[in-house]
PDB file of all heavy atoms in Angstrom:
ATOM      1  N   THR A   1     127.816 115.336 260.479  1.00  0.00           N
ATOM      2  CA  THR A   1     127.866 116.453 261.419  1.00  0.00           C
ATOM      3  C   THR A   1     129.276 117.027 261.430  1.00  0.00           C
ATOM      4  O   THR A   1     130.247 116.315 261.625  1.00  0.00           O
ATOM      5  CB  THR A   1     127.480 115.991 262.831  1.00  0.00           C
ATOM      6  OG1 THR A   1     126.227 115.332 262.780  1.00  0.00           O
ATOM      7  CG2 THR A   1     127.388 117.167 263.778  1.00  0.00           C
ATOM      8  N   GLY A   2     129.374 118.315 261.200  1.00  0.00           N
ATOM      9  CA  GLY A   2     130.676 118.975 261.156  1.00  0.00           C
ATOM     10  C   GLY A   2     131.243 119.092 259.756  1.00  0.00           C
ATOM     11  O   GLY A   2     132.253 119.758 259.555  1.00  0.00           O
ATOM     12  N   GLN A   3     130.611 118.428 258.779  1.00  0.00           N
ATOM     13  CA  GLN A   3     131.066 118.515 257.398  1.00  0.00           C
ATOM     14  C   GLN A   3     130.533 119.801 256.766  1.00  0.00           C
ATOM     15  O   GLN A   3     129.528 120.363 257.186  1.00  0.00           O
ATOM     16  CB  GLN A   3     130.568 117.309 256.588  1.00  0.00           C
ATOM     17  CG  GLN A   3     131.099 115.990 257.064  1.00  0.00           C
ATOM     18  CD  GLN A   3     132.572 115.833 256.757  1.00  0.00           C
ATOM     19  OE1 GLN A   3     133.056 116.315 255.746  1.00  0.00           O
ATOM     20  NE2 GLN A   3     133.270 115.170 257.652  1.00  0.00           N
ATOM     21  N   SER A   4     131.209 120.242 255.728  1.00  0.00           N
ATOM     22  CA  SER A   4     130.774 121.422 255.003  1.00  0.00           C
ATOM     23  C   SER A   4     129.462 121.118 254.278  1.00  0.00           C
ATOM     24  O   SER A   4     129.230 120.010 253.797  1.00  0.00           O
ATOM     25  CB  SER A   4     131.846 121.822 253.984  1.00  0.00           C
ATOM     26  OG  SER A   4     131.368 122.857 253.161  1.00  0.00           O
ATOM     27  N   VAL A   5     128.592 122.128 254.210  1.00  0.00           N
ATOM     28  CA  VAL A   5     127.306 121.951 253.551  1.00  0.00           C
ATOM     29  C   VAL A   5     127.494 121.602 252.080  1.00  0.00           C
ATOM     30  O   VAL A   5     126.761 120.789 251.525  1.00  0.00           O
ATOM     31  CB  VAL A   5     126.439 123.224 253.725  1.00  0.00           C
ATOM     32  CG1 VAL A   5     125.177 123.145 252.888  1.00  0.00           C
ATOM     33  CG2 VAL A   5     126.078 123.417 255.186  1.00  0.00           C
ATOM     34  N   SER A   6     128.498 122.170 251.442  1.00  0.00           N
ATOM     35  CA  SER A   6     128.734 121.874 250.025  1.00  0.00           C
ATOM     36  C   SER A   6     129.134 120.413 249.830  1.00  0.00           C
ATOM     37  O   SER A   6     128.720 119.770 248.864  1.00  0.00           O
ATOM     38  CB  SER A   6     129.801 122.806 249.458  1.00  0.00           C
ATOM     39  OG  SER A   6     131.014 122.650 250.175  1.00  0.00           O
ATOM     40  N   ILE A   7     129.919 119.872 250.738  1.00  0.00           N
ATOM     41  CA  ILE A   7     130.314 118.457 250.643  1.00  0.00           C
ATOM     42  C   ILE A   7     129.099 117.555 250.856  1.00  0.00           C
ATOM     43  O   ILE A   7     128.892 116.590 250.125  1.00  0.00           O
ATOM     44  CB  ILE A   7     131.423 118.131 251.662  1.00  0.00           C
ATOM     45  CG1 ILE A   7     132.703 118.859 251.297  1.00  0.00           C
ATOM     46  CG2 ILE A   7     131.664 116.631 251.740  1.00  0.00           C
ATOM     47  CD1 ILE A   7     133.790 118.740 252.343  1.00  0.00           C
ATOM     48  N   VAL A   8     128.287 117.877 251.846  1.00  0.00           N
ATOM     49  CA  VAL A   8     127.094 117.079 252.116  1.00  0.00           C
ATOM     50  C   VAL A   8     126.125 117.168 250.946  1.00  0.00           C
ATOM     51  O   VAL A   8     125.466 116.184 250.595  1.00  0.00           O
ATOM     52  CB  VAL A   8     126.434 117.526 253.438  1.00  0.00           C
ATOM     53  CG1 VAL A   8     125.128 116.795 253.675  1.00  0.00           C
ATOM     54  CG2 VAL A   8     127.370 117.300 254.602  1.00  0.00           C
ATOM     55  N   ASP A   9     126.050 118.335 250.318  1.00  0.00           N
ATOM     56  CA  ASP A   9     125.170 118.504 249.158  1.00  0.00           C
ATOM     57  C   ASP A   9     125.613 117.616 247.996  1.00  0.00           C
ATOM     58  O   ASP A   9     124.782 117.117 247.244  1.00  0.00           O
ATOM     59  CB  ASP A   9     125.146 119.975 248.743  1.00  0.00           C
ATOM     60  CG  ASP A   9     124.036 120.255 247.745  1.00  0.00           C
ATOM     61  OD1 ASP A   9     122.986 119.596 247.838  1.00  0.00           O
ATOM     62  OD2 ASP A   9     124.235 121.130 246.880  1.00  0.00           O
ATOM     63  N   GLU A  10     126.901 117.411 247.865  1.00  0.00           N
ATOM     64  CA  GLU A  10     127.404 116.560 246.793  1.00  0.00           C
ATOM     65  C   GLU A  10     127.111 115.082 247.045  1.00  0.00           C
ATOM     66  O   GLU A  10     126.976 114.311 246.098  1.00  0.00           O
ATOM     67  CB  GLU A  10     128.912 116.755 246.623  1.00  0.00           C
ATOM     68  CG  GLU A  10     129.290 118.120 246.092  1.00  0.00           C
ATOM     69  CD  GLU A  10     130.781 118.345 246.075  1.00  0.00           C
ATOM     70  OE1 GLU A  10     131.536 117.399 246.395  1.00  0.00           O
ATOM     71  OE2 GLU A  10     131.194 119.469 245.753  1.00  0.00           O
ATOM     72  N   ILE A  11     127.024 114.675 248.310  1.00  0.00           N
ATOM     73  CA  ILE A  11     126.827 113.259 248.612  1.00  0.00           C
ATOM     74  C   ILE A  11     125.396 112.971 249.072  1.00  0.00           C
ATOM     75  O   ILE A  11     125.150 111.994 249.782  1.00  0.00           O
ATOM     76  CB  ILE A  11     127.829 112.776 249.684  1.00  0.00           C
ATOM     77  CG1 ILE A  11     127.659 113.544 250.985  1.00  0.00           C
ATOM     78  CG2 ILE A  11     129.242 112.850 249.180  1.00  0.00           C
ATOM     79  CD1 ILE A  11     128.390 112.917 252.153  1.00  0.00           C
ATOM     80  N   ASP A  12     124.432 113.783 248.639  1.00  0.00           N
ATOM     81  CA  ASP A  12     123.061 113.581 249.090  1.00  0.00           C
ATOM     82  C   ASP A  12     122.490 112.239 248.644  1.00  0.00           C
ATOM     83  O   ASP A  12     121.766 111.586 249.392  1.00  0.00           O
ATOM     84  CB  ASP A  12     122.163 114.729 248.651  1.00  0.00           C
ATOM     85  CG  ASP A  12     122.082 114.869 247.144  1.00  0.00           C
ATOM     86  OD1 ASP A  12     122.938 114.309 246.440  1.00  0.00           O
ATOM     87  OD2 ASP A  12     121.138 115.539 246.665  1.00  0.00           O
ATOM     88  N   GLN A  13     122.825 111.785 247.445  1.00  0.00           N
ATOM     89  CA  GLN A  13     122.338 110.474 247.000  1.00  0.00           C
ATOM     90  C   GLN A  13     122.940 109.344 247.835  1.00  0.00           C
ATOM     91  O   GLN A  13     122.290 108.332 248.081  1.00  0.00           O
ATOM     92  CB  GLN A  13     122.669 110.266 245.514  1.00  0.00           C
ATOM     93  CG  GLN A  13     121.850 111.137 244.593  1.00  0.00           C
ATOM     94  CD  GLN A  13     120.350 110.878 244.736  1.00  0.00           C
ATOM     95  OE1 GLN A  13     119.928 109.743 244.897  1.00  0.00           O
ATOM     96  NE2 GLN A  13     119.563 111.944 244.710  1.00  0.00           N
ATOM     97  N   LEU A  14     124.164 109.536 248.265  1.00  0.00           N
ATOM     98  CA  LEU A  14     124.799 108.535 249.126  1.00  0.00           C
ATOM     99  C   LEU A  14     124.098 108.461 250.489  1.00  0.00           C
ATOM    100  O   LEU A  14     123.892 107.373 251.039  1.00  0.00           O
ATOM    101  CB  LEU A  14     126.279 108.869 249.309  1.00  0.00           C
ATOM    102  CG  LEU A  14     127.108 107.888 250.115  1.00  0.00           C
ATOM    103  CD1 LEU A  14     127.134 106.542 249.408  1.00  0.00           C
ATOM    104  CD2 LEU A  14     128.515 108.410 250.294  1.00  0.00           C
ATOM    105  N   LEU A  15     123.701 109.615 251.018  1.00  0.00           N
ATOM    106  CA  LEU A  15     122.955 109.639 252.276  1.00  0.00           C
ATOM    107  C   LEU A  15     121.608 108.936 252.127  1.00  0.00           C
ATOM    108  O   LEU A  15     121.212 108.141 252.987  1.00  0.00           O
ATOM    109  CB  LEU A  15     122.726 111.080 252.732  1.00  0.00           C
ATOM    110  CG  LEU A  15     123.927 111.835 253.253  1.00  0.00           C
ATOM    111  CD1 LEU A  15     123.550 113.279 253.532  1.00  0.00           C
ATOM    112  CD2 LEU A  15     124.471 111.184 254.482  1.00  0.00           C
ATOM    113  N   ILE A  16     120.930 109.237 251.026  1.00  0.00           N
ATOM    114  CA  ILE A  16     119.632 108.611 250.782  1.00  0.00           C
ATOM    115  C   ILE A  16     119.792 107.100 250.666  1.00  0.00           C
ATOM    116  O   ILE A  16     119.029 106.326 251.250  1.00  0.00           O
ATOM    117  CB  ILE A  16     118.973 109.210 249.521  1.00  0.00           C
ATOM    118  CG1 ILE A  16     118.582 110.669 249.784  1.00  0.00           C
ATOM    119  CG2 ILE A  16     117.758 108.400 249.107  1.00  0.00           C
ATOM    120  CD1 ILE A  16     118.118 111.420 248.557  1.00  0.00           C
ATOM    121  N   SER A  17     120.801 106.659 249.943  1.00  0.00           N
ATOM    122  CA  SER A  17     121.041 105.217 249.793  1.00  0.00           C
ATOM    123  C   SER A  17     121.402 104.575 251.128  1.00  0.00           C
ATOM    124  O   SER A  17     120.982 103.445 251.415  1.00  0.00           O
ATOM    125  CB  SER A  17     122.166 104.973 248.793  1.00  0.00           C
ATOM    126  OG  SER A  17     121.807 105.448 247.526  1.00  0.00           O
ATOM    127  N   ALA A  18     122.180 105.276 251.936  1.00  0.00           N
ATOM    128  CA  ALA A  18     122.571 104.724 253.238  1.00  0.00           C
ATOM    129  C   ALA A  18     121.360 104.522 254.134  1.00  0.00           C
ATOM    130  O   ALA A  18     121.286 103.544 254.880  1.00  0.00           O
ATOM    131  CB  ALA A  18     123.577 105.644 253.923  1.00  0.00           C
ATOM    132  N   ILE A  19     120.399 105.423 254.061  1.00  0.00           N
ATOM    133  CA  ILE A  19     119.197 105.302 254.893  1.00  0.00           C
ATOM    134  C   ILE A  19     118.261 104.233 254.337  1.00  0.00           C
ATOM    135  O   ILE A  19     117.733 103.403 255.067  1.00  0.00           O
ATOM    136  CB  ILE A  19     118.466 106.659 255.001  1.00  0.00           C
ATOM    137  CG1 ILE A  19     119.330 107.666 255.760  1.00  0.00           C
ATOM    138  CG2 ILE A  19     117.114 106.493 255.675  1.00  0.00           C
ATOM    139  CD1 ILE A  19     118.811 109.073 255.726  1.00  0.00           C
ATOM    140  N   GLU A  20     118.057 104.239 253.023  1.00  0.00           N
ATOM    141  CA  GLU A  20     117.060 103.350 252.429  1.00  0.00           C
ATOM    142  C   GLU A  20     117.516 101.897 252.346  1.00  0.00           C
ATOM    143  O   GLU A  20     116.693 100.998 252.362  1.00  0.00           O
ATOM    144  CB  GLU A  20     116.683 103.842 251.033  1.00  0.00           C
ATOM    145  CG  GLU A  20     115.878 105.112 251.055  1.00  0.00           C
ATOM    146  CD  GLU A  20     115.469 105.581 249.678  1.00  0.00           C
ATOM    147  OE1 GLU A  20     116.007 105.054 248.673  1.00  0.00           O
ATOM    148  OE2 GLU A  20     114.602 106.464 249.599  1.00  0.00           O
ATOM    149  N   ASN A  21     118.808 101.645 252.258  1.00  0.00           N
ATOM    150  CA  ASN A  21     119.287 100.280 252.048  1.00  0.00           C
ATOM    151  C   ASN A  21     119.557  99.522 253.343  1.00  0.00           C
ATOM    152  O   ASN A  21     120.071  98.408 253.293  1.00  0.00           O
ATOM    153  CB  ASN A  21     120.546 100.280 251.187  1.00  0.00           C
ATOM    154  CG  ASN A  21     120.248 100.703 249.769  1.00  0.00           C
ATOM    155  OD1 ASN A  21     119.133 100.539 249.293  1.00  0.00           O
ATOM    156  ND2 ASN A  21     121.236 101.251 249.103  1.00  0.00           N
ATOM    157  N   LYS A  22     119.233 100.097 254.465  1.00  0.00           N
ATOM    158  CA  LYS A  22     119.479  99.425 255.741  1.00  0.00           C
ATOM    159  C   LYS A  22     118.149  99.117 256.416  1.00  0.00           C
ATOM    160  O   LYS A  22     117.218  99.908 256.366  1.00  0.00           O
ATOM    161  CB  LYS A  22     120.337 100.300 256.656  1.00  0.00           C
ATOM    162  CG  LYS A  22     120.703  99.606 257.942  1.00  0.00           C
ATOM    163  CD  LYS A  22     121.668 100.402 258.757  1.00  0.00           C
ATOM    164  CE  LYS A  22     121.983  99.625 260.030  1.00  0.00           C
ATOM    165  NZ  LYS A  22     122.802 100.368 260.936  1.00  0.00           N
ATOM    166  N   GLU A  23     118.101  97.961 257.057  1.00  0.00           N
ATOM    167  CA  GLU A  23     116.941  97.597 257.853  1.00  0.00           C
ATOM    168  C   GLU A  23     117.254  97.884 259.322  1.00  0.00           C
ATOM    169  O   GLU A  23     118.308  97.519 259.814  1.00  0.00           O
ATOM    170  CB  GLU A  23     116.595  96.120 257.677  1.00  0.00           C
ATOM    171  CG  GLU A  23     116.082  95.783 256.308  1.00  0.00           C
ATOM    172  CD  GLU A  23     115.733  94.315 256.164  1.00  0.00           C
ATOM    173  OE1 GLU A  23     115.968  93.544 257.119  1.00  0.00           O
ATOM    174  OE2 GLU A  23     115.251  93.940 255.095  1.00  0.00           O
ATOM    175  N   TYR A  24     116.327  98.518 259.996  1.00  0.00           N
ATOM    176  CA  TYR A  24     116.505  98.889 261.394  1.00  0.00           C
ATOM    177  C   TYR A  24     115.626  97.976 262.241  1.00  0.00           C
ATOM    178  O   TYR A  24     114.431  97.856 261.995  1.00  0.00           O
ATOM    179  CB  TYR A  24     116.117 100.358 261.600  1.00  0.00           C
ATOM    180  CG  TYR A  24     116.919 101.288 260.723  1.00  0.00           C
ATOM    181  CD1 TYR A  24     116.474 101.655 259.454  1.00  0.00           C
ATOM    182  CD2 TYR A  24     118.131 101.788 261.153  1.00  0.00           C
ATOM    183  CE1 TYR A  24     117.218 102.494 258.655  1.00  0.00           C
ATOM    184  CE2 TYR A  24     118.876 102.631 260.366  1.00  0.00           C
ATOM    185  CZ  TYR A  24     118.420 102.977 259.113  1.00  0.00           C
ATOM    186  OH  TYR A  24     119.155 103.804 258.325  1.00  0.00           O
ATOM    187  N   THR A  25     116.216  97.335 263.249  1.00  0.00           N
ATOM    188  CA  THR A  25     115.501  96.361 264.067  1.00  0.00           C
ATOM    189  C   THR A  25     115.298  96.899 265.477  1.00  0.00           C
ATOM    190  O   THR A  25     116.243  97.310 266.133  1.00  0.00           O
ATOM    191  CB  THR A  25     116.297  95.039 264.137  1.00  0.00           C
ATOM    192  OG1 THR A  25     116.549  94.588 262.814  1.00  0.00           O
ATOM    193  CG2 THR A  25     115.526  93.990 264.898  1.00  0.00           C
ATOM    194  N   ILE A  26     114.030  96.866 265.910  1.00  0.00           N
ATOM    195  CA  ILE A  26     113.670  97.242 267.277  1.00  0.00           C
ATOM    196  C   ILE A  26     112.606  96.257 267.747  1.00  0.00           C
ATOM    197  O   ILE A  26     111.584  96.070 267.089  1.00  0.00           O
ATOM    198  CB  ILE A  26     113.130  98.683 267.364  1.00  0.00           C
ATOM    199  CG1 ILE A  26     114.235  99.667 267.060  1.00  0.00           C
ATOM    200  CG2 ILE A  26     112.548  98.948 268.737  1.00  0.00           C
ATOM    201  CD1 ILE A  26     113.824 101.097 267.137  1.00  0.00           C
ATOM    202  N   ASP A  27     112.857  95.639 268.889  1.00  0.00           N
ATOM    203  CA  ASP A  27     111.907  94.693 269.500  1.00  0.00           C
ATOM    204  C   ASP A  27     111.479  93.603 268.527  1.00  0.00           C
ATOM    205  O   ASP A  27     110.297  93.327 268.363  1.00  0.00           O
ATOM    206  CB  ASP A  27     110.665  95.428 270.024  1.00  0.00           C
ATOM    207  CG  ASP A  27     111.002  96.425 271.108  1.00  0.00           C
ATOM    208  OD1 ASP A  27     112.022  96.218 271.782  1.00  0.00           O
ATOM    209  OD2 ASP A  27     110.246  97.403 271.267  1.00  0.00           O
ATOM    210  N   ASP A  28     112.423  93.010 267.839  1.00  0.00           N
ATOM    211  CA  ASP A  28     112.197  91.912 266.892  1.00  0.00           C
ATOM    212  C   ASP A  28     111.349  92.311 265.690  1.00  0.00           C
ATOM    213  O   ASP A  28     110.838  91.450 264.982  1.00  0.00           O
ATOM    214  CB  ASP A  28     111.555  90.701 267.588  1.00  0.00           C
ATOM    215  CG  ASP A  28     112.455  90.140 268.670  1.00  0.00           C
ATOM    216  OD1 ASP A  28     113.689  90.247 268.514  1.00  0.00           O
ATOM    217  OD2 ASP A  28     111.933  89.587 269.652  1.00  0.00           O
ATOM    218  N   LEU A  29     111.162  93.577 265.454  1.00  0.00           N
ATOM    219  CA  LEU A  29     110.487  94.064 264.258  1.00  0.00           C
ATOM    220  C   LEU A  29     111.492  94.823 263.415  1.00  0.00           C
ATOM    221  O   LEU A  29     112.288  95.611 263.925  1.00  0.00           O
ATOM    222  CB  LEU A  29     109.316  94.981 264.614  1.00  0.00           C
ATOM    223  CG  LEU A  29     108.105  94.308 265.239  1.00  0.00           C
ATOM    224  CD1 LEU A  29     107.093  95.356 265.663  1.00  0.00           C
ATOM    225  CD2 LEU A  29     107.451  93.345 264.278  1.00  0.00           C
ATOM    226  N   ARG A  30     111.451  94.575 262.113  1.00  0.00           N
ATOM    227  CA  ARG A  30     112.386  95.244 261.208  1.00  0.00           C
ATOM    228  C   ARG A  30     111.649  96.324 260.431  1.00  0.00           C
ATOM    229  O   ARG A  30     110.536  96.107 259.947  1.00  0.00           O
ATOM    230  CB  ARG A  30     113.014  94.223 260.258  1.00  0.00           C
ATOM    231  CG  ARG A  30     113.879  93.219 260.998  1.00  0.00           C
ATOM    232  CD  ARG A  30     114.524  92.238 260.081  1.00  0.00           C
ATOM    233  NE  ARG A  30     113.487  91.545 259.309  1.00  0.00           N
ATOM    234  CZ  ARG A  30     113.730  90.798 258.254  1.00  0.00           C
ATOM    235  NH1 ARG A  30     114.956  90.649 257.816  1.00  0.00           N
ATOM    236  NH2 ARG A  30     112.747  90.185 257.612  1.00  0.00           N
ATOM    237  N   TYR A  31     112.301  97.457 260.298  1.00  0.00           N
ATOM    238  CA  TYR A  31     111.722  98.596 259.598  1.00  0.00           C
ATOM    239  C   TYR A  31     112.674  99.024 258.491  1.00  0.00           C
ATOM    240  O   TYR A  31     113.887  98.932 258.620  1.00  0.00           O
ATOM    241  CB  TYR A  31     111.504  99.776 260.557  1.00  0.00           C
ATOM    242  CG  TYR A  31     110.570  99.468 261.687  1.00  0.00           C
ATOM    243  CD1 TYR A  31     111.057  99.042 262.917  1.00  0.00           C
ATOM    244  CD2 TYR A  31     109.201  99.586 261.532  1.00  0.00           C
ATOM    245  CE1 TYR A  31     110.206  98.746 263.966  1.00  0.00           C
ATOM    246  CE2 TYR A  31     108.339  99.302 262.574  1.00  0.00           C
ATOM    247  CZ  TYR A  31     108.845  98.881 263.785  1.00  0.00           C
ATOM    248  OH  TYR A  31     108.000  98.601 264.814  1.00  0.00           O
ATOM    249  N   GLN A  32     112.067  99.514 257.407  1.00  0.00           N
ATOM    250  CA  GLN A  32     112.845 100.060 256.303  1.00  0.00           C
ATOM    251  C   GLN A  32     112.230 101.410 255.952  1.00  0.00           C
ATOM    252  O   GLN A  32     111.014 101.595 256.052  1.00  0.00           O
ATOM    253  CB  GLN A  32     112.811  99.119 255.109  1.00  0.00           C
ATOM    254  CG  GLN A  32     113.862  99.422 254.089  1.00  0.00           C
ATOM    255  CD  GLN A  32     114.023  98.275 253.102  1.00  0.00           C
ATOM    256  OE1 GLN A  32     113.168  97.421 252.989  1.00  0.00           O
ATOM    257  NE2 GLN A  32     115.121  98.278 252.396  1.00  0.00           N
ATOM    258  N   PHE A  33     113.069 102.341 255.534  1.00  0.00           N
ATOM    259  CA  PHE A  33     112.606 103.698 255.295  1.00  0.00           C
ATOM    260  C   PHE A  33     112.767 104.082 253.833  1.00  0.00           C
ATOM    261  O   PHE A  33     113.669 103.612 253.137  1.00  0.00           O
ATOM    262  CB  PHE A  33     113.393 104.704 256.155  1.00  0.00           C
ATOM    263  CG  PHE A  33     113.158 104.540 257.613  1.00  0.00           C
ATOM    264  CD1 PHE A  33     114.123 103.977 258.430  1.00  0.00           C
ATOM    265  CD2 PHE A  33     111.961 104.934 258.175  1.00  0.00           C
ATOM    266  CE1 PHE A  33     113.901 103.821 259.776  1.00  0.00           C
ATOM    267  CE2 PHE A  33     111.741 104.782 259.526  1.00  0.00           C
ATOM    268  CZ  PHE A  33     112.710 104.226 260.323  1.00  0.00           C
ATOM    269  N   THR A  34     111.894 104.980 253.402  1.00  0.00           N
ATOM    270  CA  THR A  34     112.005 105.627 252.112  1.00  0.00           C
ATOM    271  C   THR A  34     112.131 107.121 252.374  1.00  0.00           C
ATOM    272  O   THR A  34     111.318 107.693 253.100  1.00  0.00           O
ATOM    273  CB  THR A  34     110.751 105.357 251.249  1.00  0.00           C
ATOM    274  OG1 THR A  34     110.557 103.948 251.159  1.00  0.00           O
ATOM    275  CG2 THR A  34     110.913 105.947 249.872  1.00  0.00           C
ATOM    276  N   VAL A  35     113.146 107.743 251.804  1.00  0.00           N
ATOM    277  CA  VAL A  35     113.368 109.169 252.007  1.00  0.00           C
ATOM    278  C   VAL A  35     112.409 109.936 251.104  1.00  0.00           C
ATOM    279  O   VAL A  35     112.429 109.797 249.886  1.00  0.00           O
ATOM    280  CB  VAL A  35     114.827 109.555 251.706  1.00  0.00           C
ATOM    281  CG1 VAL A  35     115.015 111.054 251.859  1.00  0.00           C
ATOM    282  CG2 VAL A  35     115.770 108.806 252.618  1.00  0.00           C
ATOM    283  N   ARG A  36     111.548 110.737 251.711  1.00  0.00           N
ATOM    284  CA  ARG A  36     110.594 111.552 250.953  1.00  0.00           C
ATOM    285  C   ARG A  36     111.180 112.922 250.611  1.00  0.00           C
ATOM    286  O   ARG A  36     110.927 113.460 249.555  1.00  0.00           O
ATOM    287  CB  ARG A  36     109.298 111.739 251.739  1.00  0.00           C
ATOM    288  CG  ARG A  36     108.487 110.500 251.844  1.00  0.00           C
ATOM    289  CD  ARG A  36     107.957 110.131 250.481  1.00  0.00           C
ATOM    290  NE  ARG A  36     107.413 108.783 250.525  1.00  0.00           N
ATOM    291  CZ  ARG A  36     107.453 107.956 249.521  1.00  0.00           C
ATOM    292  NH1 ARG A  36     108.015 108.295 248.385  1.00  0.00           N
ATOM    293  NH2 ARG A  36     106.943 106.766 249.630  1.00  0.00           N
ATOM    294  N   LYS A  37     111.944 113.469 251.546  1.00  0.00           N
ATOM    295  CA  LYS A  37     112.506 114.808 251.327  1.00  0.00           C
ATOM    296  C   LYS A  37     113.785 114.923 252.138  1.00  0.00           C
ATOM    297  O   LYS A  37     113.855 114.447 253.265  1.00  0.00           O
ATOM    298  CB  LYS A  37     111.495 115.872 251.759  1.00  0.00           C
ATOM    299  CG  LYS A  37     111.908 117.284 251.432  1.00  0.00           C
ATOM    300  CD  LYS A  37     110.805 118.252 251.815  1.00  0.00           C
ATOM    301  CE  LYS A  37     111.217 119.671 251.532  1.00  0.00           C
ATOM    302  NZ  LYS A  37     110.205 120.631 251.972  1.00  0.00           N
ATOM    303  N   LEU A  38     114.779 115.564 251.534  1.00  0.00           N
ATOM    304  CA  LEU A  38     116.056 115.789 252.208  1.00  0.00           C
ATOM    305  C   LEU A  38     116.441 117.249 251.992  1.00  0.00           C
ATOM    306  O   LEU A  38     116.610 117.685 250.859  1.00  0.00           O
ATOM    307  CB  LEU A  38     117.133 114.865 251.635  1.00  0.00           C
ATOM    308  CG  LEU A  38     118.550 115.032 252.162  1.00  0.00           C
ATOM    309  CD1 LEU A  38     118.596 114.596 253.621  1.00  0.00           C
ATOM    310  CD2 LEU A  38     119.517 114.196 251.352  1.00  0.00           C
ATOM    311  N   THR A  39     116.537 117.990 253.081  1.00  0.00           N
ATOM    312  CA  THR A  39     116.902 119.399 253.017  1.00  0.00           C
ATOM    313  C   THR A  39     118.269 119.560 253.659  1.00  0.00           C
ATOM    314  O   THR A  39     118.475 119.163 254.804  1.00  0.00           O
ATOM    315  CB  THR A  39     115.876 120.265 253.769  1.00  0.00           C
ATOM    316  OG1 THR A  39     114.580 119.994 253.253  1.00  0.00           O
ATOM    317  CG2 THR A  39     116.183 121.733 253.607  1.00  0.00           C
ATOM    318  N   ILE A  40     119.200 120.151 252.902  1.00  0.00           N
ATOM    319  CA  ILE A  40     120.567 120.294 253.396  1.00  0.00           C
ATOM    320  C   ILE A  40     120.884 121.766 253.603  1.00  0.00           C
ATOM    321  O   ILE A  40     120.831 122.563 252.668  1.00  0.00           O
ATOM    322  CB  ILE A  40     121.565 119.662 252.411  1.00  0.00           C
ATOM    323  CG1 ILE A  40     121.256 118.174 252.261  1.00  0.00           C
ATOM    324  CG2 ILE A  40     122.989 119.864 252.893  1.00  0.00           C
ATOM    325  CD1 ILE A  40     122.062 117.488 251.204  1.00  0.00           C
ATOM    326  N   SER A  41     121.192 122.102 254.834  1.00  0.00           N
ATOM    327  CA  SER A  41     121.683 123.429 255.215  1.00  0.00           C
ATOM    328  C   SER A  41     122.444 123.204 256.513  1.00  0.00           C
ATOM    329  O   SER A  41     122.961 122.119 256.723  1.00  0.00           O
ATOM    330  CB  SER A  41     120.513 124.409 255.379  1.00  0.00           C
ATOM    331  OG  SER A  41     119.662 123.980 256.412  1.00  0.00           O
ATOM    332  N   GLU A  42     122.517 124.206 257.378  1.00  0.00           N
ATOM    333  CA  GLU A  42     123.152 123.970 258.675  1.00  0.00           C
ATOM    334  C   GLU A  42     122.398 122.898 259.447  1.00  0.00           C
ATOM    335  O   GLU A  42     122.968 122.189 260.254  1.00  0.00           O
ATOM    336  CB  GLU A  42     123.204 125.260 259.487  1.00  0.00           C
ATOM    337  CG  GLU A  42     124.221 126.247 258.976  1.00  0.00           C
ATOM    338  CD  GLU A  42     124.320 127.461 259.878  1.00  0.00           C
ATOM    339  OE1 GLU A  42     124.062 127.334 261.083  1.00  0.00           O
ATOM    340  OE2 GLU A  42     124.663 128.521 259.363  1.00  0.00           O
ATOM    341  N   THR A  43     121.091 122.803 259.179  1.00  0.00           N
ATOM    342  CA  THR A  43     120.264 121.746 259.750  1.00  0.00           C
ATOM    343  C   THR A  43     119.840 120.823 258.620  1.00  0.00           C
ATOM    344  O   THR A  43     119.148 121.244 257.701  1.00  0.00           O
ATOM    345  CB  THR A  43     119.015 122.331 260.429  1.00  0.00           C
ATOM    346  OG1 THR A  43     119.422 123.235 261.442  1.00  0.00           O
ATOM    347  CG2 THR A  43     118.161 121.242 261.030  1.00  0.00           C
TER     348      THR A  43
END
């Protein structure tokens, strides 16, 4: 947030890896995500 769109566009694989390689724990259940689509603009 606050980074230039061009910079974020260059590190899109890093964002995908950061999301996919982490396990998220809620209420003693662990979840893992696979990124299906990533759209980079102001949003």
